[in-house]
Amino acid sequence: MLRRLSRNHLAVMGLIIALLVGLSALAAPWLAPAPPKQVNLGAYLAPPGPGHLLGADDLGRDILSRILYGARLSLWIGLVGMAVALAIGVPIGLVAGFLGSLVDSFLMRFTDMVLAMPFILLAIALAAALGPSVTNSYIALGLATWPYVARIVRGQVLAVRELDFVQAARALGGNNLRIMLRHVLPNVLAPIMVFGTARLAQNILAESALSFLGLGAQPPEPSWGAMLYAGRSFLRTAPWLSFFPGLAIFLTVLGFNLLGDGLRDALDVRLR
């Protein structure tokens, strides 16, 4: 798998971007030239230069510092939101696909009801209902994402449960829970990994949208979406306020999407 992944140049580029974003987020306290919330009115809308490499905002806060700390926030919300979705969607998809019959029908009809609302609209509605905060952001993203996880897991389980090793485990007296956890679940992890990587990019984008609308991280917390919102009034006089956070969102989403596509190709047994 690693050999196939390394031969995919776009996937390697995505991996490099994802690693750079992750390392920048972890090393933000050492890389940031100034505290992200530090107000310096003397640097009001300072353009990119030696004092502020990416410029300063309308309160004199360093844009580079806020982007670095914003990466921590975006990745944290994206990862925790994905973890919430997996914690809900994987058991539902596993049980529905393995047991079938009325259990499958009930769980999938409920899933279809949630899927009837577009992802971003559902995330906005949940965030608005729960209230604007970082915690509520990843809860909203997880609750909006789990139906997609459940659908993918169910589809994979339907194929795996008919294979010979599952039938052999049944014949040897294995109960349903043991077969699901020891024989079925490990064989559907690859699609879950691919989906999780690609969906992480969508969660980061959705988190930026929630913060842009005021439903995510609240000021003065550094958030890429909130930085875009704050810079909309200065597009002509200080375009760097919106350009650099937008570029960070673009590169991060691009990197995780390329990595997800590469993992999908590398783990696809039909390409071996």
Protein backbone atom coordinates (compact mmCIF):
# COMPACT_ATOMS: atom_id res chain seq x y z
CA MET A 1 0.00 0.00 0.00
CA LEU A 2 2.82 2.39 0.86
CA ARG A 3 4.54 1.64 -2.45
CA ARG A 4 1.35 2.37 -4.37
CA LEU A 5 0.80 5.52 -2.35
CA SER A 6 4.35 6.73 -2.96
CA ARG A 7 3.92 6.32 -6.73
CA ASN A 8 0.91 8.65 -6.67
CA HIS A 9 2.53 12.09 -6.86
CA LEU A 10 -0.69 13.95 -6.05
CA ALA A 11 -1.21 11.81 -2.95
CA VAL A 12 2.37 12.47 -1.84
CA MET A 13 1.81 16.19 -2.32
CA GLY A 14 -1.39 15.94 -0.27
CA LEU A 15 0.46 14.05 2.46
CA ILE A 16 3.19 16.70 2.57
CA ILE A 17 0.60 19.49 2.83
CA ALA A 18 -1.30 17.64 5.57
CA LEU A 19 1.92 17.01 7.51
CA LEU A 20 3.01 20.63 7.18
CA VAL A 21 -0.35 21.87 8.42
CA GLY A 22 -0.32 19.41 11.32
CA LEU A 23 3.26 20.23 12.32
CA SER A 24 2.58 23.97 12.03
CA ALA A 25 -0.42 23.57 14.32
CA LEU A 26 1.59 21.59 16.89
CA ALA A 27 4.53 24.02 16.77
CA ALA A 28 2.36 27.16 16.76
CA PRO A 29 3.63 28.35 20.20
CA TRP A 30 7.21 28.30 18.87
CA LEU A 31 6.57 29.43 15.28
CA ALA A 32 4.15 32.29 15.99
CA PRO A 33 5.97 35.63 16.09
CA ALA A 34 3.46 37.08 18.58
CA PRO A 35 0.55 35.95 20.77
CA PRO A 36 -2.50 35.51 18.52
CA LYS A 37 -4.76 37.66 20.72
CA GLN A 38 -2.27 40.43 21.41
CA VAL A 39 -3.70 43.81 20.38
CA ASN A 40 -1.28 46.40 18.98
CA LEU A 41 -3.12 49.44 17.67
CA GLY A 42 0.17 50.87 16.46
CA ALA A 43 0.22 48.12 13.80
CA TYR A 44 -3.31 48.88 12.56
CA LEU A 45 -3.74 47.16 9.15
CA ALA A 46 0.03 46.87 8.78
CA PRO A 47 0.86 45.39 5.34
CA PRO A 48 3.02 42.27 4.98
CA GLY A 49 6.60 43.14 5.79
CA PRO A 50 9.49 42.53 8.17
CA GLY A 51 7.48 43.39 11.30
CA HIS A 52 4.49 41.27 10.31
CA LEU A 53 5.29 38.73 7.61
CA LEU A 54 1.64 38.33 6.60
CA GLY A 55 0.45 41.71 7.84
CA ALA A 56 -1.75 42.70 10.78
CA ASP A 57 -5.50 43.05 11.19
CA ASP A 58 -7.62 46.01 12.27
CA LEU A 59 -6.60 45.47 15.91
CA GLY A 60 -2.91 45.10 15.09
CA ARG A 61 -2.90 41.35 15.72
CA ASP A 62 -0.34 39.39 13.73
CA ILE A 63 -2.00 37.47 10.87
CA LEU A 64 0.67 34.74 10.74
CA SER A 65 0.23 33.99 14.46
CA ARG A 66 -3.53 33.81 14.12
CA ILE A 67 -3.30 31.52 11.09
CA LEU A 68 -0.95 29.15 12.95
CA TYR A 69 -3.20 29.00 16.00
CA GLY A 70 -6.24 28.83 13.72
CA ALA A 71 -4.79 25.65 12.23
CA ARG A 72 -4.87 24.08 15.69
CA LEU A 73 -8.50 25.01 16.12
CA SER A 74 -9.57 23.85 12.65
CA LEU A 75 -7.77 20.52 12.89
CA TRP A 76 -9.05 19.90 16.40
CA ILE A 77 -12.67 20.57 15.46
CA GLY A 78 -12.31 18.55 12.25
CA LEU A 79 -10.74 15.56 14.00
CA VAL A 80 -13.10 15.51 16.99
CA GLY A 81 -16.10 16.03 14.72
CA MET A 82 -14.96 13.07 12.63
CA ALA A 83 -14.46 10.99 15.79
CA VAL A 84 -18.02 11.78 16.90
CA ALA A 85 -19.32 10.77 13.47
CA LEU A 86 -17.37 7.49 13.55
CA ALA A 87 -18.52 6.71 17.09
CA ILE A 88 -22.15 6.98 15.97
CA GLY A 89 -22.03 5.88 12.34
CA VAL A 90 -19.79 2.80 12.55
CA PRO A 91 -21.92 0.87 15.11
CA ILE A 92 -25.15 1.77 13.30
CA GLY A 93 -23.79 0.73 9.90
CA LEU A 94 -22.22 -2.43 11.32
CA VAL A 95 -25.38 -3.60 13.07
CA ALA A 96 -27.66 -2.67 10.17
CA GLY A 97 -25.53 -4.42 7.56
CA PHE A 98 -24.83 -7.53 9.60
CA LEU A 99 -28.27 -8.20 11.10
CA GLY A 100 -30.34 -7.03 8.13
CA SER A 101 -34.10 -7.56 8.14
CA LEU A 102 -36.20 -5.18 10.25
CA VAL A 103 -33.17 -3.80 12.12
CA ASP A 104 -31.57 -2.77 8.86
CA SER A 105 -34.78 -1.23 7.56
CA PHE A 106 -35.40 0.80 10.72
CA LEU A 107 -31.83 2.09 11.06
CA MET A 108 -31.45 2.96 7.39
CA ARG A 109 -34.80 4.74 7.17
CA PHE A 110 -33.76 6.86 10.14
CA THR A 111 -30.43 7.49 8.42
CA ASP A 112 -32.23 8.50 5.23
CA MET A 113 -34.29 11.01 7.20
CA VAL A 114 -31.11 12.70 8.40
CA LEU A 115 -29.55 12.54 4.93
CA ALA A 116 -32.58 14.31 3.49
CA MET A 117 -31.16 17.60 4.78
CA PRO A 118 -27.94 18.84 3.10
CA PHE A 119 -24.83 18.47 5.24
CA ILE A 120 -23.92 22.13 5.63
CA LEU A 121 -27.52 23.19 6.33
CA LEU A 122 -27.86 20.50 9.00
CA ALA A 123 -24.55 21.55 10.58
CA ILE A 124 -25.65 25.20 10.64
CA ALA A 125 -29.04 24.28 12.14
CA LEU A 126 -27.44 22.11 14.85
CA ALA A 127 -24.79 24.73 15.68
CA ALA A 128 -27.46 27.40 15.92
CA ALA A 129 -29.60 25.21 18.17
CA LEU A 130 -26.71 24.21 20.44
CA GLY A 131 -25.21 27.69 20.59
CA PRO A 132 -21.95 29.14 19.20
CA SER A 133 -18.86 27.55 20.75
CA VAL A 134 -15.96 25.30 19.82
CA THR A 135 -17.47 22.30 21.62
CA ASN A 136 -20.83 22.70 19.92
CA SER A 137 -19.10 23.06 16.55
CA TYR A 138 -17.60 19.58 16.57
CA ILE A 139 -20.75 18.11 18.05
CA ALA A 140 -22.77 19.66 15.23
CA LEU A 141 -20.29 18.44 12.60
CA GLY A 142 -20.29 14.93 14.06
CA LEU A 143 -24.08 14.75 14.16
CA ALA A 144 -24.27 15.98 10.57
CA THR A 145 -21.63 13.51 9.30
CA TRP A 146 -22.53 10.19 10.93
CA PRO A 147 -25.21 9.18 8.35
CA TYR A 148 -22.57 9.15 5.60
CA VAL A 149 -20.36 6.92 7.76
CA ALA A 150 -23.25 4.57 8.50
CA ARG A 151 -24.12 4.24 4.81
CA ILE A 152 -20.55 3.39 3.81
CA VAL A 153 -20.05 0.89 6.64
CA ARG A 154 -23.37 -0.83 5.91
CA GLY A 155 -22.50 -1.24 2.24
CA GLN A 156 -19.15 -2.81 3.07
CA VAL A 157 -20.62 -5.09 5.73
CA LEU A 158 -23.27 -6.39 3.31
CA ALA A 159 -20.45 -7.62 1.05
CA VAL A 160 -18.20 -9.00 3.81
CA ARG A 161 -20.86 -10.90 5.76
CA GLU A 162 -21.40 -13.33 2.85
CA LEU A 163 -17.72 -14.27 2.52
CA ASP A 164 -16.51 -17.76 3.46
CA PHE A 165 -14.56 -16.81 6.60
CA VAL A 166 -17.67 -15.23 8.13
CA GLN A 167 -19.73 -18.32 7.34
CA ALA A 168 -16.99 -20.49 8.84
CA ALA A 169 -17.05 -18.40 12.04
CA ARG A 170 -20.82 -18.92 12.21
CA ALA A 171 -20.40 -22.66 11.75
CA LEU A 172 -17.87 -22.77 14.59
CA GLY A 173 -20.44 -21.28 16.94
CA GLY A 174 -19.35 -17.65 17.03
CA ASN A 175 -22.00 -15.24 18.27
CA ASN A 176 -23.01 -12.18 16.28
CA LEU A 177 -21.11 -9.68 18.44
CA ARG A 178 -17.86 -11.64 18.24
CA ILE A 179 -18.16 -12.11 14.48
CA MET A 180 -18.93 -8.43 13.91
CA LEU A 181 -16.03 -7.18 16.01
CA ARG A 182 -13.35 -9.76 15.19
CA HIS A 183 -14.09 -10.75 11.61
CA VAL A 184 -16.27 -8.15 9.90
CA LEU A 185 -15.14 -4.80 11.34
CA PRO A 186 -11.40 -5.25 10.61
CA ASN A 187 -12.25 -5.93 6.96
CA VAL A 188 -14.19 -2.69 6.51
CA LEU A 189 -11.62 -0.39 8.13
CA ALA A 190 -9.93 0.57 4.85
CA PRO A 191 -12.99 2.37 3.38
CA ILE A 192 -13.55 4.03 6.76
CA MET A 193 -9.96 5.34 6.72
CA VAL A 194 -10.37 6.72 3.22
CA PHE A 195 -13.70 8.33 4.04
CA GLY A 196 -12.40 9.79 7.30
CA THR A 197 -9.41 11.41 5.60
CA ALA A 198 -11.49 12.95 2.83
CA ARG A 199 -14.29 13.96 5.19
CA LEU A 200 -11.82 15.67 7.51
CA ALA A 201 -11.26 18.22 4.75
CA GLN A 202 -15.02 18.81 4.53
CA ASN A 203 -15.21 19.23 8.30
CA ILE A 204 -12.46 21.85 8.22
CA LEU A 205 -14.31 23.68 5.46
CA ALA A 206 -17.59 23.42 7.37
CA GLU A 207 -15.93 24.69 10.56
CA SER A 208 -14.70 27.73 8.65
CA ALA A 209 -18.23 28.30 7.36
CA LEU A 210 -19.69 28.05 10.88
CA SER A 211 -17.10 30.50 12.24
CA PHE A 212 -17.74 32.84 9.30
CA LEU A 213 -21.42 32.87 10.22
CA GLY A 214 -20.66 33.43 13.90
CA LEU A 215 -21.73 29.92 14.94
CA GLY A 216 -18.28 28.49 15.61
CA ALA A 217 -15.33 29.77 17.62
CA GLN A 218 -16.06 33.17 19.12
CA PRO A 219 -13.76 36.21 19.10
CA PRO A 220 -11.01 36.67 20.05
CA GLU A 221 -10.26 32.99 19.35
CA PRO A 222 -8.22 32.69 16.12
CA SER A 223 -10.36 30.92 13.54
CA TRP A 224 -9.84 30.95 9.79
CA GLY A 225 -13.54 31.45 9.10
CA ALA A 226 -13.80 34.29 11.61
CA MET A 227 -10.72 35.92 10.07
CA LEU A 228 -12.39 35.80 6.66
CA TYR A 229 -15.48 37.41 8.13
CA ALA A 230 -13.47 40.16 9.83
CA GLY A 231 -11.55 40.90 6.64
CA ARG A 232 -14.57 41.28 4.40
CA SER A 233 -14.82 45.02 5.20
CA PHE A 234 -11.20 45.64 4.20
CA LEU A 235 -11.01 43.78 0.87
CA ARG A 236 -9.95 46.92 -1.00
CA THR A 237 -7.74 48.56 1.60
CA ALA A 238 -6.19 45.48 3.27
CA PRO A 239 -6.84 42.35 1.18
CA TRP A 240 -4.29 40.32 3.16
CA LEU A 241 -6.78 40.05 6.01
CA SER A 242 -8.88 37.66 3.91
CA PHE A 243 -6.34 36.36 1.39
CA PHE A 244 -4.01 34.50 3.76
CA PRO A 245 -6.74 32.77 5.86
CA GLY A 246 -8.51 31.83 2.62
CA LEU A 247 -5.25 30.43 1.24
CA ALA A 248 -4.75 28.40 4.43
CA ILE A 249 -8.25 26.90 4.09
CA PHE A 250 -7.69 26.17 0.39
CA LEU A 251 -4.34 24.42 0.86
CA THR A 252 -5.50 22.39 3.88
CA VAL A 253 -8.66 21.15 2.19
CA LEU A 254 -6.74 20.42 -1.01
CA GLY A 255 -4.08 18.46 0.88
CA PHE A 256 -6.51 16.21 2.73
CA ASN A 257 -8.61 15.66 -0.41
CA LEU A 258 -5.55 14.59 -2.41
CA LEU A 259 -4.43 12.32 0.43
CA GLY A 260 -7.91 10.77 0.67
CA ASP A 261 -7.99 10.08 -3.07
CA GLY A 262 -4.52 8.54 -2.89
CA LEU A 263 -5.48 6.29 0.01
CA ARG A 264 -8.59 5.17 -1.88
CA ASP A 265 -6.50 4.14 -4.87
CA ALA A 266 -3.79 2.51 -2.76
CA LEU A 267 -6.26 0.44 -0.72
CA ASP A 268 -8.41 -0.63 -3.68
CA VAL A 269 -7.71 -4.34 -4.14
CA ARG A 270 -8.96 -4.18 -7.74
CA LEU A 271 -5.91 -2.08 -8.64
CA ARG A 272 -3.39 -4.59 -7.29
